[in-house]
Amino acid sequence: MGKVRAHEIRSSTKSALKQKVEELKKDLSNLRVQQKSGSKSTRVAKIGGLRKDIARVLTVMNQDTKKQLRAYHATEGGRIPLDMRAKSTRAMRRKLTTEEASKKTVKQTKKDSNFPQRKYAVSAN
């Protein structure tokens, strides 16, 4: 059995991916039994690769689930769950947007219109 490639399993269905994970976990348990029995088989060295294959399949499953949830919440228009929001840093998440930062109060707007910035003619000398 060759290495599991993420781009190949993305087109698989969720049930097929679950079956693949179960199959890989059975292989892994068989290899662990061989390892404990003292077998010097070359297949025992493939335990690390199998663990990574399981992780790849689970990662693809989780990515698909998150993708579907994002699509659901985008159409619903409600609040997005915390674990699906942009991570960034706490300060950046709380920072005003450019639109919010550029807003002016009524008083400031009147002040700007009544007392515009003066333009001075500067001589070239």
N, C-alpha and C. Protein backbone atom coordinates (compact mmCIF):
# COMPACT_ATOMS: atom_id res chain seq x y z
N MET A 1 0.84 -1.19 0.00
CA MET A 1 0.00 0.00 0.00
C MET A 1 0.88 1.24 0.00
N GLY A 2 0.61 2.16 -0.92
CA GLY A 2 1.41 3.36 -1.04
C GLY A 2 0.97 4.45 -0.09
N LYS A 3 1.68 5.53 -0.15
CA LYS A 3 1.38 6.68 0.70
C LYS A 3 0.05 7.32 0.29
N VAL A 4 -0.72 7.70 1.29
CA VAL A 4 -2.01 8.35 1.02
C VAL A 4 -1.75 9.81 0.66
N ARG A 5 -2.29 10.24 -0.46
CA ARG A 5 -2.08 11.62 -0.91
C ARG A 5 -3.36 12.41 -0.68
N ALA A 6 -3.21 13.60 -0.10
CA ALA A 6 -4.37 14.42 0.27
C ALA A 6 -5.19 14.81 -0.95
N HIS A 7 -4.54 15.20 -2.05
CA HIS A 7 -5.29 15.65 -3.23
C HIS A 7 -6.08 14.50 -3.85
N GLU A 8 -5.66 13.26 -3.64
CA GLU A 8 -6.37 12.12 -4.19
C GLU A 8 -7.62 11.78 -3.37
N ILE A 9 -7.54 11.98 -2.05
CA ILE A 9 -8.68 11.60 -1.21
C ILE A 9 -9.70 12.71 -1.03
N ARG A 10 -9.42 13.90 -1.53
CA ARG A 10 -10.37 15.01 -1.39
C ARG A 10 -11.68 14.73 -2.15
N SER A 11 -11.60 13.97 -3.21
CA SER A 11 -12.80 13.68 -4.01
C SER A 11 -13.63 12.54 -3.41
N SER A 12 -13.10 11.87 -2.39
CA SER A 12 -13.82 10.75 -1.77
C SER A 12 -14.98 11.24 -0.92
N THR A 13 -15.95 10.35 -0.71
CA THR A 13 -17.09 10.69 0.15
C THR A 13 -16.70 10.51 1.61
N LYS A 14 -17.53 11.04 2.49
CA LYS A 14 -17.24 10.97 3.93
C LYS A 14 -17.23 9.53 4.41
N SER A 15 -18.16 8.71 3.93
CA SER A 15 -18.20 7.30 4.35
C SER A 15 -16.96 6.55 3.87
N ALA A 16 -16.50 6.86 2.65
CA ALA A 16 -15.29 6.22 2.13
C ALA A 16 -14.07 6.61 2.95
N LEU A 17 -14.03 7.88 3.39
CA LEU A 17 -12.91 8.34 4.21
C LEU A 17 -12.92 7.66 5.58
N LYS A 18 -14.12 7.50 6.16
CA LYS A 18 -14.22 6.81 7.45
C LYS A 18 -13.73 5.37 7.33
N GLN A 19 -14.11 4.73 6.24
CA GLN A 19 -13.69 3.35 5.99
C GLN A 19 -12.17 3.28 5.83
N LYS A 20 -11.60 4.26 5.15
CA LYS A 20 -10.15 4.32 4.94
C LYS A 20 -9.42 4.46 6.27
N VAL A 21 -9.95 5.31 7.16
CA VAL A 21 -9.34 5.50 8.48
C VAL A 21 -9.38 4.20 9.28
N GLU A 22 -10.52 3.52 9.25
CA GLU A 22 -10.64 2.25 9.99
C GLU A 22 -9.64 1.22 9.46
N GLU A 23 -9.51 1.16 8.15
CA GLU A 23 -8.56 0.23 7.53
C GLU A 23 -7.13 0.55 7.95
N LEU A 24 -6.78 1.82 7.92
CA LEU A 24 -5.43 2.23 8.31
C LEU A 24 -5.16 1.95 9.79
N LYS A 25 -6.18 2.16 10.63
CA LYS A 25 -6.02 1.90 12.07
C LYS A 25 -5.83 0.41 12.34
N LYS A 26 -6.51 -0.44 11.58
CA LYS A 26 -6.32 -1.89 11.73
C LYS A 26 -4.89 -2.28 11.35
N ASP A 27 -4.41 -1.73 10.23
CA ASP A 27 -3.03 -1.99 9.81
C ASP A 27 -2.05 -1.56 10.89
N LEU A 28 -2.31 -0.39 11.47
CA LEU A 28 -1.43 0.13 12.51
C LEU A 28 -1.42 -0.78 13.74
N SER A 29 -2.59 -1.26 14.14
CA SER A 29 -2.64 -2.14 15.31
C SER A 29 -1.92 -3.46 15.04
N ASN A 30 -2.05 -3.98 13.81
CA ASN A 30 -1.34 -5.21 13.44
C ASN A 30 0.17 -5.01 13.51
N LEU A 31 0.63 -3.86 13.02
CA LEU A 31 2.07 -3.57 13.06
C LEU A 31 2.57 -3.42 14.49
N ARG A 32 1.75 -2.83 15.34
CA ARG A 32 2.15 -2.66 16.75
C ARG A 32 2.26 -4.02 17.44
N VAL A 33 1.35 -4.95 17.10
CA VAL A 33 1.42 -6.31 17.66
C VAL A 33 2.70 -6.99 17.20
N GLN A 34 3.03 -6.85 15.92
CA GLN A 34 4.28 -7.42 15.39
C GLN A 34 5.49 -6.84 16.10
N GLN A 35 5.43 -5.55 16.35
CA GLN A 35 6.55 -4.86 17.01
C GLN A 35 6.75 -5.40 18.43
N LYS A 36 5.63 -5.58 19.16
CA LYS A 36 5.71 -6.07 20.54
C LYS A 36 6.17 -7.52 20.60
N SER A 37 5.84 -8.30 19.56
CA SER A 37 6.23 -9.70 19.55
C SER A 37 7.71 -9.88 19.24
N GLY A 38 8.39 -8.80 18.94
CA GLY A 38 9.84 -8.86 18.70
C GLY A 38 10.20 -9.13 17.27
N SER A 39 9.28 -8.98 16.36
CA SER A 39 9.53 -9.21 14.95
C SER A 39 10.44 -8.11 14.40
N LYS A 40 11.43 -8.51 13.63
CA LYS A 40 12.35 -7.54 13.03
C LYS A 40 11.96 -7.26 11.58
N SER A 41 10.67 -7.35 11.31
CA SER A 41 10.15 -7.15 9.96
C SER A 41 10.41 -5.72 9.49
N THR A 42 10.55 -5.55 8.20
CA THR A 42 10.76 -4.21 7.64
C THR A 42 9.46 -3.41 7.67
N ARG A 43 8.32 -4.13 7.76
CA ARG A 43 7.03 -3.42 7.82
C ARG A 43 6.84 -2.68 9.13
N VAL A 44 7.53 -3.12 10.18
CA VAL A 44 7.41 -2.45 11.48
C VAL A 44 7.92 -1.01 11.38
N ALA A 45 8.84 -0.77 10.49
CA ALA A 45 9.40 0.57 10.31
C ALA A 45 8.38 1.52 9.66
N LYS A 46 7.27 0.97 9.16
CA LYS A 46 6.27 1.80 8.48
C LYS A 46 5.21 2.35 9.42
N ILE A 47 5.39 2.15 10.73
CA ILE A 47 4.40 2.65 11.70
C ILE A 47 4.26 4.17 11.60
N GLY A 48 5.36 4.87 11.52
CA GLY A 48 5.33 6.33 11.42
C GLY A 48 4.58 6.80 10.19
N GLY A 49 4.81 6.13 9.07
CA GLY A 49 4.12 6.48 7.83
C GLY A 49 2.63 6.25 7.92
N LEU A 50 2.24 5.15 8.57
CA LEU A 50 0.82 4.86 8.74
C LEU A 50 0.14 5.90 9.61
N ARG A 51 0.82 6.32 10.66
CA ARG A 51 0.26 7.34 11.54
C ARG A 51 0.04 8.64 10.77
N LYS A 52 0.98 8.98 9.90
CA LYS A 52 0.85 10.20 9.10
C LYS A 52 -0.29 10.06 8.08
N ASP A 53 -0.46 8.86 7.52
CA ASP A 53 -1.56 8.63 6.59
C ASP A 53 -2.91 8.82 7.27
N ILE A 54 -3.03 8.29 8.49
CA ILE A 54 -4.26 8.46 9.26
C ILE A 54 -4.52 9.94 9.51
N ALA A 55 -3.46 10.65 9.88
CA ALA A 55 -3.59 12.09 10.14
C ALA A 55 -4.03 12.84 8.88
N ARG A 56 -3.50 12.45 7.72
CA ARG A 56 -3.88 13.10 6.46
C ARG A 56 -5.37 12.93 6.16
N VAL A 57 -5.84 11.68 6.32
CA VAL A 57 -7.25 11.41 6.03
C VAL A 57 -8.14 12.18 7.00
N LEU A 58 -7.79 12.19 8.29
CA LEU A 58 -8.58 12.91 9.28
C LEU A 58 -8.56 14.41 9.01
N THR A 59 -7.42 14.93 8.56
CA THR A 59 -7.31 16.35 8.23
C THR A 59 -8.24 16.71 7.09
N VAL A 60 -8.27 15.88 6.05
CA VAL A 60 -9.15 16.14 4.90
C VAL A 60 -10.61 16.09 5.35
N MET A 61 -10.96 15.13 6.22
CA MET A 61 -12.33 15.04 6.73
C MET A 61 -12.71 16.31 7.49
N ASN A 62 -11.81 16.77 8.36
CA ASN A 62 -12.08 17.98 9.15
C ASN A 62 -12.18 19.22 8.26
N GLN A 63 -11.33 19.30 7.24
CA GLN A 63 -11.38 20.44 6.33
C GLN A 63 -12.71 20.48 5.57
N ASP A 64 -13.17 19.31 5.14
CA ASP A 64 -14.46 19.24 4.44
C ASP A 64 -15.60 19.68 5.35
N THR A 65 -15.56 19.22 6.60
CA THR A 65 -16.60 19.58 7.56
C THR A 65 -16.62 21.08 7.79
N LYS A 66 -15.43 21.67 7.99
CA LYS A 66 -15.35 23.12 8.21
C LYS A 66 -15.83 23.89 6.98
N LYS A 67 -15.50 23.39 5.80
CA LYS A 67 -15.91 24.05 4.56
C LYS A 67 -17.44 24.08 4.46
N GLN A 68 -18.08 22.95 4.80
CA GLN A 68 -19.54 22.88 4.76
C GLN A 68 -20.15 23.81 5.80
N LEU A 69 -19.55 23.87 7.00
CA LEU A 69 -20.06 24.75 8.05
C LEU A 69 -19.93 26.22 7.65
N ARG A 70 -18.80 26.57 7.02
CA ARG A 70 -18.62 27.95 6.57
C ARG A 70 -19.69 28.33 5.55
N ALA A 71 -19.97 27.41 4.63
CA ALA A 71 -20.99 27.67 3.62
C ALA A 71 -22.36 27.81 4.27
N TYR A 72 -22.65 26.99 5.26
CA TYR A 72 -23.93 27.06 5.97
C TYR A 72 -24.08 28.39 6.68
N HIS A 73 -23.04 28.82 7.40
CA HIS A 73 -23.13 30.07 8.15
C HIS A 73 -23.10 31.29 7.24
N ALA A 74 -22.51 31.16 6.06
CA ALA A 74 -22.50 32.27 5.10
C ALA A 74 -23.90 32.51 4.56
N THR A 75 -24.64 31.43 4.30
CA THR A 75 -25.99 31.58 3.77
C THR A 75 -26.98 31.97 4.86
N GLU A 76 -26.72 31.49 6.07
CA GLU A 76 -27.63 31.78 7.19
C GLU A 76 -27.57 33.25 7.58
N GLY A 77 -26.38 33.83 7.51
CA GLY A 77 -26.22 35.25 7.80
C GLY A 77 -26.14 35.58 9.29
N GLY A 78 -26.12 34.59 10.14
CA GLY A 78 -26.04 34.82 11.59
C GLY A 78 -24.60 35.00 12.04
N ARG A 79 -24.42 34.87 13.35
CA ARG A 79 -23.07 34.99 13.89
C ARG A 79 -22.27 33.73 13.60
N ILE A 80 -21.01 33.91 13.29
CA ILE A 80 -20.13 32.78 13.01
C ILE A 80 -19.58 32.25 14.33
N PRO A 81 -19.51 30.92 14.51
CA PRO A 81 -18.96 30.36 15.74
C PRO A 81 -17.52 30.81 15.98
N LEU A 82 -17.12 30.87 17.24
CA LEU A 82 -15.80 31.38 17.61
C LEU A 82 -14.66 30.64 16.92
N ASP A 83 -14.75 29.31 16.84
CA ASP A 83 -13.65 28.55 16.27
C ASP A 83 -13.52 28.70 14.76
N MET A 84 -14.49 29.37 14.13
CA MET A 84 -14.42 29.56 12.69
C MET A 84 -14.10 31.01 12.31
N ARG A 85 -13.93 31.86 13.30
CA ARG A 85 -13.60 33.26 13.01
C ARG A 85 -12.11 33.40 12.73
N ALA A 86 -11.74 34.55 12.16
CA ALA A 86 -10.34 34.81 11.84
C ALA A 86 -9.53 34.83 13.13
N LYS A 87 -8.37 34.18 13.13
CA LYS A 87 -7.57 34.08 14.35
C LYS A 87 -6.80 35.38 14.60
N SER A 88 -5.80 35.69 13.80
CA SER A 88 -5.00 36.91 13.93
C SER A 88 -4.52 37.06 15.38
N THR A 89 -4.48 38.28 15.88
CA THR A 89 -4.14 38.50 17.29
C THR A 89 -5.31 39.20 17.95
N ARG A 90 -5.33 39.18 19.25
CA ARG A 90 -6.45 39.75 19.99
C ARG A 90 -6.58 41.25 19.67
N ALA A 91 -5.43 41.94 19.63
CA ALA A 91 -5.43 43.39 19.35
C ALA A 91 -5.96 43.67 17.95
N MET A 92 -5.55 42.87 16.98
CA MET A 92 -5.99 43.07 15.60
C MET A 92 -7.48 42.79 15.45
N ARG A 93 -8.01 41.81 16.18
CA ARG A 93 -9.43 41.51 16.11
C ARG A 93 -10.27 42.64 16.68
N ARG A 94 -9.73 43.37 17.66
CA ARG A 94 -10.48 44.45 18.30
C ARG A 94 -10.26 45.82 17.65
N LYS A 95 -9.32 45.88 16.72
CA LYS A 95 -9.00 47.13 16.06
C LYS A 95 -10.19 47.60 15.20
N LEU A 96 -10.39 48.93 15.13
CA LEU A 96 -11.46 49.48 14.30
C LEU A 96 -11.19 49.20 12.84
N THR A 97 -12.25 49.01 12.07
CA THR A 97 -12.07 48.85 10.64
C THR A 97 -11.77 50.23 10.05
N THR A 98 -11.32 50.28 8.82
CA THR A 98 -11.00 51.57 8.19
C THR A 98 -12.23 52.44 8.08
N GLU A 99 -13.38 51.82 7.83
CA GLU A 99 -14.63 52.57 7.73
C GLU A 99 -15.00 53.18 9.09
N GLU A 100 -14.87 52.39 10.15
CA GLU A 100 -15.19 52.88 11.49
C GLU A 100 -14.23 53.99 11.92
N ALA A 101 -12.95 53.82 11.58
CA ALA A 101 -11.94 54.80 12.00
C ALA A 101 -12.11 56.13 11.26
N SER A 102 -12.64 56.09 10.03
CA SER A 102 -12.77 57.32 9.24
C SER A 102 -14.06 58.09 9.54
N LYS A 103 -14.96 57.52 10.30
CA LYS A 103 -16.21 58.20 10.63
C LYS A 103 -15.95 59.41 11.53
N LYS A 104 -16.79 60.43 11.35
CA LYS A 104 -16.65 61.65 12.16
C LYS A 104 -17.97 61.93 12.87
N THR A 105 -17.87 62.61 13.98
CA THR A 105 -19.08 63.00 14.70
C THR A 105 -19.74 64.16 13.95
N VAL A 106 -20.98 64.44 14.29
CA VAL A 106 -21.72 65.55 13.67
C VAL A 106 -20.98 66.86 13.97
N LYS A 107 -20.53 67.00 15.21
CA LYS A 107 -19.85 68.23 15.62
C LYS A 107 -18.56 68.44 14.80
N GLN A 108 -17.79 67.36 14.63
CA GLN A 108 -16.54 67.46 13.87
C GLN A 108 -16.81 67.75 12.40
N THR A 109 -17.86 67.19 11.84
CA THR A 109 -18.22 67.43 10.44
C THR A 109 -18.57 68.91 10.22
N LYS A 110 -19.37 69.48 11.15
CA LYS A 110 -19.73 70.90 11.06
C LYS A 110 -18.50 71.78 11.18
N LYS A 111 -17.63 71.44 12.11
CA LYS A 111 -16.41 72.22 12.34
C LYS A 111 -15.54 72.23 11.07
N ASP A 112 -15.39 71.05 10.44
CA ASP A 112 -14.58 70.95 9.23
C ASP A 112 -15.18 71.75 8.07
N SER A 113 -16.53 71.75 7.96
CA SER A 113 -17.14 72.48 6.86
C SER A 113 -17.12 73.99 7.10
N ASN A 114 -17.25 74.41 8.34
CA ASN A 114 -17.24 75.85 8.66
C ASN A 114 -15.85 76.46 8.68
N PHE A 115 -14.87 75.69 9.04
CA PHE A 115 -13.50 76.18 9.09
C PHE A 115 -12.59 75.26 8.29
N PRO A 116 -12.63 75.40 6.95
CA PRO A 116 -11.81 74.51 6.12
C PRO A 116 -10.31 74.80 6.28
N GLN A 117 -9.50 73.85 5.87
CA GLN A 117 -8.05 74.00 5.94
C GLN A 117 -7.64 75.14 5.03
N ARG A 118 -6.82 76.05 5.55
CA ARG A 118 -6.39 77.21 4.75
C ARG A 118 -5.32 76.80 3.77
N LYS A 119 -5.38 77.45 2.58
CA LYS A 119 -4.39 77.20 1.55
C LYS A 119 -3.51 78.40 1.45
N TYR A 120 -2.21 78.19 1.54
CA TYR A 120 -1.25 79.28 1.46
C TYR A 120 -0.47 79.19 0.17
N ALA A 121 -0.26 80.36 -0.45
CA ALA A 121 0.56 80.40 -1.66
C ALA A 121 2.01 80.56 -1.23
N VAL A 122 2.84 79.62 -1.65
CA VAL A 122 4.25 79.69 -1.27
C VAL A 122 5.05 80.15 -2.48
N SER A 123 5.88 81.16 -2.26
CA SER A 123 6.67 81.69 -3.38
C SER A 123 7.84 80.75 -3.65
N ALA A 124 8.30 80.77 -4.90
CA ALA A 124 9.36 79.87 -5.34
C ALA A 124 10.75 80.39 -5.00
N ASN A 125 10.88 81.58 -4.41
CA ASN A 125 12.20 82.18 -4.13
C ASN A 125 12.91 81.39 -3.09
